[in-house]
Amino acid sequence: MLVGGVGNRLLSALPTADLDLLAPDLQMVTLDREEVVSRVGDHTEHVLFPHSGAVSVMVDMANGQTVASAAIGREGAVGTLSVLGPSPAAVTTIVRAAGTASRIPAARFHAAFSRSPAIRHVVQLHFKAVLIQFQLGGACNALHPVQARMARWLLQLHDRINHDVLPLTQDALSQMLGVRRTTVTLLVRNLRASGAIRSVRRGEIEIDSSRLAAVACECHDTMRLELDKIFSTSTAPSRVFDLPIR
């Protein structure tokens, strides 16, 4: 059972009749920190709708380097691109902050997707939200200093878990930013000196979100405003899902 009424925004936006198409096949699962949800080349077996926690979408390069292209929390889903047709996953998705999610077999989701205009609509909302992250993130990676980009990523994760203590290692930040660990160490030192990062403990980074926002590029605010604009089209009340946790 979910605690505190937290729910996935896509599922919450569905009318009851359309949610009922999914409900018999939805199962609540835990998302463990650093769990690899999918790898490049995997066949998509399930679609996940996070209720809490955060997942990063990673692009893997041929030389072994990686960079994060999007963050997904309770506003989105993982695996929905599979509705476009069977194809191997083009990205890797990794849980950065532990949480819970509703999981449904991809085949069952596809069947409901084909029957329900409302489900197709919320998937379109999700696609728009992720596309904005891809577009702005690509420009940000090319044009903005790495310290501003790191501040943006820390704030994006903060938005999704709503806590100032972020469950991140410097190695994870290195993977997400596509830079060396030594670069991350220097950036963390600079942000600590400015007060934007309060402390760094084993596997945790405590931030001051207001000071961090002053360091981040405008992309964070733009992404957040665009996301709010997208979801303002849906006025369905939030629902709490009472499903067994696996």
Protein backbone atom coordinates (compact mmCIF):
# COMPACT_ATOMS: atom_id res chain seq x y z
CA MET A 1 0.00 0.00 0.00
CA LEU A 2 1.28 3.49 -0.76
CA VAL A 3 2.14 5.78 2.10
CA GLY A 4 0.95 9.38 2.22
CA GLY A 5 -1.21 9.26 -0.90
CA VAL A 6 1.70 9.43 -3.32
CA GLY A 7 0.72 8.19 -6.74
CA ASN A 8 1.87 8.09 -10.33
CA ARG A 9 0.59 11.15 -12.20
CA LEU A 10 -0.09 9.29 -15.44
CA LEU A 11 -2.22 6.65 -13.75
CA SER A 12 -3.91 9.31 -11.62
CA ALA A 13 -4.92 11.20 -14.77
CA LEU A 14 -6.90 8.24 -16.12
CA PRO A 15 -10.68 8.07 -15.78
CA THR A 16 -11.81 5.17 -13.61
CA ALA A 17 -13.05 3.07 -16.54
CA ASP A 18 -9.71 3.34 -18.32
CA LEU A 19 -7.70 2.67 -15.18
CA ASP A 20 -9.83 -0.44 -14.72
CA LEU A 21 -8.43 -1.77 -18.01
CA LEU A 22 -4.97 -1.79 -16.40
CA ALA A 23 -5.76 -2.49 -12.75
CA PRO A 24 -6.10 -6.33 -12.93
CA ASP A 25 -2.58 -6.59 -14.33
CA LEU A 26 -0.87 -3.91 -12.22
CA GLN A 27 1.46 -5.10 -9.49
CA MET A 28 3.27 -2.89 -6.99
CA VAL A 29 7.03 -3.54 -6.98
CA THR A 30 9.95 -2.01 -5.15
CA LEU A 31 12.64 -0.08 -6.99
CA ASP A 32 16.02 -0.65 -5.40
CA ARG A 33 18.73 1.97 -5.61
CA GLU A 34 21.16 1.36 -8.50
CA GLU A 35 18.87 -1.36 -9.88
CA VAL A 36 19.17 -1.60 -13.67
CA VAL A 37 15.60 -1.58 -14.93
CA SER A 38 16.60 -2.17 -18.54
CA ARG A 39 19.75 -2.30 -20.65
CA VAL A 40 20.41 -1.31 -24.23
CA GLY A 41 19.28 -4.17 -26.46
CA ASP A 42 16.85 -5.67 -23.93
CA HIS A 43 13.36 -6.68 -25.00
CA THR A 44 10.80 -4.65 -23.03
CA GLU A 45 8.87 -7.08 -20.84
CA HIS A 46 7.18 -4.63 -18.48
CA VAL A 47 6.03 -1.03 -18.30
CA LEU A 48 6.73 0.71 -14.98
CA PHE A 49 4.81 3.63 -13.46
CA PRO A 50 6.87 4.99 -10.54
CA HIS A 51 5.00 6.21 -7.46
CA SER A 52 8.15 7.33 -5.67
CA GLY A 53 11.88 7.37 -6.26
CA ALA A 54 13.70 8.37 -9.44
CA VAL A 55 15.03 6.60 -12.53
CA SER A 56 17.67 8.03 -14.85
CA VAL A 57 17.69 7.34 -18.59
CA MET A 58 21.27 6.70 -19.70
CA VAL A 59 22.80 6.83 -23.16
CA ASP A 60 25.68 4.35 -23.57
CA MET A 61 28.43 5.20 -26.04
CA ALA A 62 30.55 2.67 -27.91
CA ASN A 63 33.68 3.65 -25.95
CA GLY A 64 32.01 2.88 -22.62
CA GLN A 65 31.15 6.46 -21.67
CA THR A 66 27.65 7.26 -20.47
CA VAL A 67 25.52 10.36 -20.00
CA ALA A 68 22.06 10.85 -18.53
CA SER A 69 19.42 12.17 -20.91
CA ALA A 70 16.30 12.26 -18.69
CA ALA A 71 15.03 11.69 -15.17
CA ILE A 72 11.73 9.93 -14.55
CA GLY A 73 9.75 9.95 -11.34
CA ARG A 74 6.08 9.70 -10.47
CA GLU A 75 5.23 12.03 -13.35
CA GLY A 76 6.21 9.43 -15.94
CA ALA A 77 6.79 5.83 -16.90
CA VAL A 78 9.51 3.48 -18.08
CA GLY A 79 9.04 1.22 -21.10
CA THR A 80 6.19 3.02 -22.84
CA LEU A 81 8.12 3.36 -26.11
CA SER A 82 7.38 -0.32 -26.62
CA VAL A 83 3.85 0.65 -27.73
CA LEU A 84 5.41 1.89 -30.99
CA GLY A 85 6.34 -1.66 -31.92
CA PRO A 86 8.69 -4.45 -30.88
CA SER A 87 12.29 -3.27 -30.86
CA PRO A 88 15.24 -3.62 -28.47
CA ALA A 89 15.69 -0.89 -25.88
CA ALA A 90 17.85 1.98 -27.15
CA VAL A 91 18.79 3.26 -23.66
CA THR A 92 19.65 1.97 -20.21
CA THR A 93 17.46 2.92 -17.25
CA ILE A 94 18.84 2.89 -13.70
CA VAL A 95 17.12 3.56 -10.37
CA ARG A 96 18.89 6.47 -8.67
CA ALA A 97 16.54 6.85 -5.69
CA ALA A 98 14.69 3.86 -4.28
CA GLY A 99 10.92 3.82 -4.39
CA THR A 100 7.90 1.87 -5.60
CA ALA A 101 6.20 1.47 -8.96
CA SER A 102 3.18 -0.13 -10.54
CA ARG A 103 4.35 -2.73 -13.05
CA ILE A 104 2.35 -4.26 -15.89
CA PRO A 105 3.40 -6.78 -18.56
CA ALA A 106 4.13 -4.89 -21.78
CA ALA A 107 1.73 -7.07 -23.79
CA ARG A 108 -1.14 -6.29 -21.41
CA PHE A 109 -0.34 -2.58 -21.51
CA HIS A 110 -0.26 -2.63 -25.30
CA ALA A 111 -3.70 -4.27 -25.40
CA ALA A 112 -5.18 -1.60 -23.11
CA PHE A 113 -3.37 1.14 -25.04
CA SER A 114 -5.01 0.02 -28.28
CA ARG A 115 -8.48 0.08 -26.67
CA SER A 116 -8.35 3.33 -24.71
CA PRO A 117 -8.01 6.87 -26.09
CA ALA A 118 -7.41 8.08 -22.51
CA ILE A 119 -4.43 5.75 -22.06
CA ARG A 120 -3.06 6.87 -25.41
CA HIS A 121 -3.45 10.47 -24.24
CA VAL A 122 -1.45 10.02 -21.04
CA VAL A 123 1.27 8.18 -22.98
CA GLN A 124 1.41 11.19 -25.31
CA LEU A 125 1.79 13.44 -22.25
CA HIS A 126 4.70 11.32 -21.11
CA PHE A 127 6.33 11.35 -24.54
CA LYS A 128 6.08 15.17 -24.60
CA ALA A 129 7.64 15.45 -21.15
CA VAL A 130 10.55 13.17 -22.02
CA LEU A 131 11.08 14.82 -25.41
CA ILE A 132 11.45 18.21 -23.69
CA GLN A 133 14.12 16.72 -21.43
CA PHE A 134 15.93 15.22 -24.43
CA GLN A 135 15.80 18.47 -26.41
CA LEU A 136 16.78 20.84 -23.63
CA GLY A 137 19.26 18.37 -22.20
CA GLY A 138 21.03 18.03 -25.53
CA ALA A 139 21.35 21.80 -25.86
CA CYS A 140 22.39 22.12 -22.22
CA ASN A 141 25.13 19.49 -22.59
CA ALA A 142 26.52 21.38 -25.59
CA LEU A 143 26.25 24.96 -24.34
CA HIS A 144 26.36 25.13 -20.55
CA PRO A 145 29.27 24.67 -18.11
CA VAL A 146 29.49 21.32 -16.38
CA GLN A 147 28.97 22.85 -12.91
CA ALA A 148 25.65 24.36 -14.00
CA ARG A 149 24.67 21.02 -15.54
CA MET A 150 25.50 19.17 -12.35
CA ALA A 151 23.40 21.60 -10.33
CA ARG A 152 20.53 21.02 -12.78
CA TRP A 153 20.70 17.25 -12.37
CA LEU A 154 20.80 17.49 -8.59
CA LEU A 155 17.70 19.70 -8.69
CA GLN A 156 15.91 17.36 -11.11
CA LEU A 157 16.41 14.48 -8.69
CA HIS A 158 15.38 16.72 -5.78
CA ASP A 159 12.12 17.53 -7.61
CA ARG A 160 11.31 13.84 -7.88
CA ILE A 161 12.10 12.68 -4.35
CA ASN A 162 11.27 15.97 -2.57
CA HIS A 163 14.17 15.63 -0.13
CA ASP A 164 17.37 17.60 0.36
CA VAL A 165 19.44 14.46 0.95
CA LEU A 166 20.00 12.85 -2.44
CA PRO A 167 21.04 9.17 -2.59
CA LEU A 168 23.89 9.73 -5.03
CA THR A 169 27.51 8.69 -5.16
CA GLN A 170 30.12 10.72 -6.97
CA ASP A 171 30.58 7.73 -9.30
CA ALA A 172 26.89 7.93 -10.23
CA LEU A 173 27.21 11.66 -10.90
CA SER A 174 30.23 10.97 -13.08
CA GLN A 175 28.18 8.51 -15.15
CA MET A 176 25.23 10.89 -15.43
CA LEU A 177 27.32 13.90 -16.46
CA GLY A 178 29.66 11.99 -18.76
CA VAL A 179 32.77 13.35 -17.02
CA ARG A 180 35.63 11.90 -15.02
CA ARG A 181 35.28 11.22 -11.31
CA THR A 182 38.06 13.75 -10.60
CA THR A 183 35.96 16.43 -12.32
CA VAL A 184 32.98 15.58 -10.11
CA THR A 185 35.17 15.78 -7.00
CA LEU A 186 36.27 19.29 -7.99
CA LEU A 187 32.70 20.37 -8.75
CA VAL A 188 31.43 19.05 -5.42
CA ARG A 189 34.21 20.94 -3.65
CA ASN A 190 33.23 24.17 -5.39
CA LEU A 191 29.53 23.72 -4.61
CA ARG A 192 30.30 22.96 -0.97
CA ALA A 193 32.35 26.15 -0.74
CA SER A 194 29.36 28.13 -2.04
CA GLY A 195 26.93 26.40 0.36
CA ALA A 196 24.91 24.85 -2.48
CA ILE A 197 26.00 21.42 -1.21
CA ARG A 198 25.86 21.17 2.57
CA SER A 199 27.55 17.84 3.07
CA VAL A 200 28.76 14.72 1.29
CA ARG A 201 28.54 11.41 3.09
CA ARG A 202 29.01 7.88 1.86
CA GLY A 203 26.47 7.56 -0.94
CA GLU A 204 24.55 10.74 -0.03
CA ILE A 205 24.73 14.40 -1.03
CA GLU A 206 22.84 16.97 1.03
CA ILE A 207 21.93 20.08 -0.94
CA ASP A 208 20.62 23.57 -0.27
CA SER A 209 18.07 23.73 -3.08
CA SER A 210 17.74 27.53 -3.14
CA ARG A 211 21.50 28.09 -3.38
CA LEU A 212 21.82 25.28 -5.89
CA ALA A 213 19.15 26.92 -8.05
CA ALA A 214 21.34 30.02 -8.23
CA VAL A 215 24.15 27.90 -9.71
CA ALA A 216 22.05 25.83 -12.12
CA CYS A 217 21.40 26.91 -15.69
CA GLU A 218 17.93 28.03 -16.77
CA CYS A 219 17.21 24.55 -18.16
CA HIS A 220 15.99 23.26 -14.79
CA ASP A 221 13.28 25.91 -14.43
CA THR A 222 12.33 25.59 -18.10
CA MET A 223 11.93 21.82 -17.84
CA ARG A 224 9.88 22.09 -14.66
CA LEU A 225 7.59 24.79 -16.08
CA GLU A 226 7.06 22.82 -19.30
CA LEU A 227 6.24 19.70 -17.29
CA ASP A 228 3.68 21.58 -15.19
CA LYS A 229 2.18 23.01 -18.38
CA ILE A 230 1.83 19.55 -19.91
CA PHE A 231 0.08 18.10 -16.87
CA SER A 232 -2.19 21.09 -16.41
CA THR A 233 -4.20 19.64 -19.30
CA SER A 234 -5.30 16.83 -16.97
CA THR A 235 -7.52 17.65 -14.00
CA ALA A 236 -8.35 14.16 -12.78
CA PRO A 237 -8.05 13.77 -8.98
CA SER A 238 -5.05 11.91 -7.59
CA ARG A 239 -5.69 8.29 -6.67
CA VAL A 240 -3.99 5.96 -4.22
CA PHE A 241 -3.42 2.42 -5.45
CA ASP A 242 -3.76 -0.41 -2.99
CA LEU A 243 -1.69 -3.16 -4.62
CA PRO A 244 0.45 -5.91 -3.10
CA ILE A 245 4.15 -5.04 -3.06
CA ARG A 246 6.34 -7.73 -4.47
